[in-house]
Amino acid sequence: MAMKRMVLEIGMGTDIRGTDSTKAAVRALRDALWHNSVTVTKALGLPTDSMQVAVTVGVPRPETVDKEQVLAVLPHGSGTVEVVDGGLEIANEAGDDGTLIAHAAAVVYLDLP
């Protein structure tokens, strides 16, 4: 059998009054997942936990994201998290805080003949 790409979900998350990359990344993945209902596993007669999800998150400082917290958002299946340079950070007027925006993509794969 071979892994087949079945679904692409995308989302955006923010930390409005802070620059916590992990908080924004978790919210971005939740946004991507909670706007969809992936029923392809049931249509194919497979368990939902057979999904393998490749998550990519873009934030201004990739090294600051806790990948385990992001991965914990997945309700089914197993997954991986890659964090890349992206997103957006907007400083407040005082320059001592800001808003951070993260973008997430979740690609769902299934092992099919």
Protein backbone atom coordinates (compact mmCIF):
# COMPACT_ATOMS: atom_id res chain seq x y z
CA MET A 1 0.00 0.00 0.00
CA ALA A 2 1.06 3.63 -0.45
CA MET A 3 0.45 6.85 1.42
CA LYS A 4 -2.00 9.03 -0.52
CA ARG A 5 -2.65 12.70 0.10
CA MET A 6 -6.37 13.03 0.82
CA VAL A 7 -7.03 16.43 2.45
CA LEU A 8 -5.39 19.84 2.83
CA GLU A 9 -6.65 22.06 5.64
CA ILE A 10 -5.32 25.58 6.30
CA GLY A 11 -5.77 27.99 9.17
CA MET A 12 -4.56 31.12 10.91
CA GLY A 13 -3.98 31.74 14.60
CA THR A 14 -2.93 34.75 16.63
CA ASP A 15 -1.59 35.81 19.97
CA ILE A 16 -3.24 39.24 20.03
CA ARG A 17 -1.64 40.66 23.17
CA GLY A 18 1.65 38.84 23.13
CA THR A 19 4.15 37.22 20.88
CA ASP A 20 3.81 33.60 21.96
CA SER A 21 4.58 31.56 18.84
CA THR A 22 3.30 28.31 20.33
CA LYS A 23 -0.04 29.84 21.34
CA ALA A 24 -0.51 31.26 17.82
CA ALA A 25 0.58 27.97 16.18
CA VAL A 26 -1.86 25.92 18.27
CA ARG A 27 -4.66 28.32 17.38
CA ALA A 28 -3.73 28.15 13.67
CA LEU A 29 -3.93 24.36 13.64
CA ARG A 30 -7.22 24.40 15.55
CA ASP A 31 -8.57 26.90 13.00
CA ALA A 32 -7.56 24.57 10.17
CA LEU A 33 -9.07 21.48 11.76
CA TRP A 34 -12.23 22.88 13.28
CA HIS A 35 -13.53 24.28 10.00
CA ASN A 36 -13.68 20.81 8.50
CA SER A 37 -15.18 17.44 9.09
CA VAL A 38 -12.99 14.84 7.46
CA THR A 39 -15.22 11.88 6.68
CA VAL A 40 -13.01 10.26 4.06
CA THR A 41 -11.85 7.54 6.46
CA LYS A 42 -15.39 6.38 7.13
CA ALA A 43 -16.22 6.53 3.41
CA LEU A 44 -13.27 4.21 2.77
CA GLY A 45 -14.07 1.92 5.69
CA LEU A 46 -10.94 2.94 7.63
CA PRO A 47 -10.64 3.95 11.28
CA THR A 48 -10.16 7.68 11.89
CA ASP A 49 -6.94 6.96 13.76
CA SER A 50 -5.42 5.60 10.53
CA MET A 51 -4.90 9.19 9.37
CA GLN A 52 -1.34 10.45 9.24
CA VAL A 53 -1.18 14.23 9.38
CA ALA A 54 1.75 16.35 8.27
CA VAL A 55 1.46 19.78 9.91
CA THR A 56 3.46 22.78 8.70
CA VAL A 57 3.35 25.99 10.72
CA GLY A 58 4.81 29.35 9.70
CA VAL A 59 5.85 31.81 12.42
CA PRO A 60 8.45 34.60 12.62
CA ARG A 61 10.69 32.66 15.04
CA PRO A 62 10.29 28.93 14.28
CA GLU A 63 12.64 27.82 17.06
CA THR A 64 10.24 29.19 19.71
CA VAL A 65 7.37 26.80 18.90
CA ASP A 66 6.74 23.80 21.15
CA LYS A 67 5.96 21.15 18.54
CA GLU A 68 4.48 18.75 21.11
CA GLN A 69 1.82 21.30 22.09
CA VAL A 70 0.91 21.78 18.44
CA LEU A 71 0.78 18.01 17.82
CA ALA A 72 -1.49 17.56 20.84
CA VAL A 73 -4.23 19.44 18.93
CA LEU A 74 -4.77 16.54 16.49
CA PRO A 75 -7.99 14.75 17.48
CA HIS A 76 -7.30 11.60 15.44
CA GLY A 77 -4.42 9.75 13.90
CA SER A 78 -0.76 10.48 14.26
CA GLY A 79 1.28 13.34 12.95
CA THR A 80 4.43 15.32 12.49
CA VAL A 81 5.05 19.03 12.88
CA GLU A 82 7.46 21.13 10.83
CA VAL A 83 7.86 24.79 11.78
CA VAL A 84 9.11 27.19 9.13
CA ASP A 85 9.86 30.88 8.89
CA GLY A 86 6.64 32.74 8.11
CA GLY A 87 3.68 34.37 9.77
CA LEU A 88 3.72 37.98 10.87
CA GLU A 89 4.63 39.97 13.97
CA ILE A 90 3.25 43.46 14.57
CA ALA A 91 4.85 45.49 17.37
CA ASN A 92 2.70 47.61 19.67
CA GLU A 93 3.23 51.38 19.87
CA ALA A 94 5.59 51.11 22.84
CA GLY A 95 7.64 48.45 21.08
CA ASP A 96 7.61 46.18 24.12
CA ASP A 97 4.94 43.71 23.00
CA GLY A 98 2.87 42.94 19.94
CA THR A 99 0.65 40.60 18.01
CA LEU A 100 1.91 37.42 16.40
CA ILE A 101 0.15 35.65 13.52
CA ALA A 102 0.83 32.02 12.61
CA HIS A 103 -0.33 30.06 9.58
CA ALA A 104 -0.84 26.31 9.56
CA ALA A 105 -1.37 23.65 6.93
CA ALA A 106 -2.45 20.12 7.80
CA VAL A 107 -2.13 17.49 5.09
CA VAL A 108 -3.98 14.25 5.79
CA TYR A 109 -2.56 11.03 4.32
CA LEU A 110 -4.07 7.56 4.24
CA ASP A 111 -2.38 4.26 3.43
CA LEU A 112 -4.31 3.05 0.38
CA PRO A 113 -3.73 0.40 -2.28
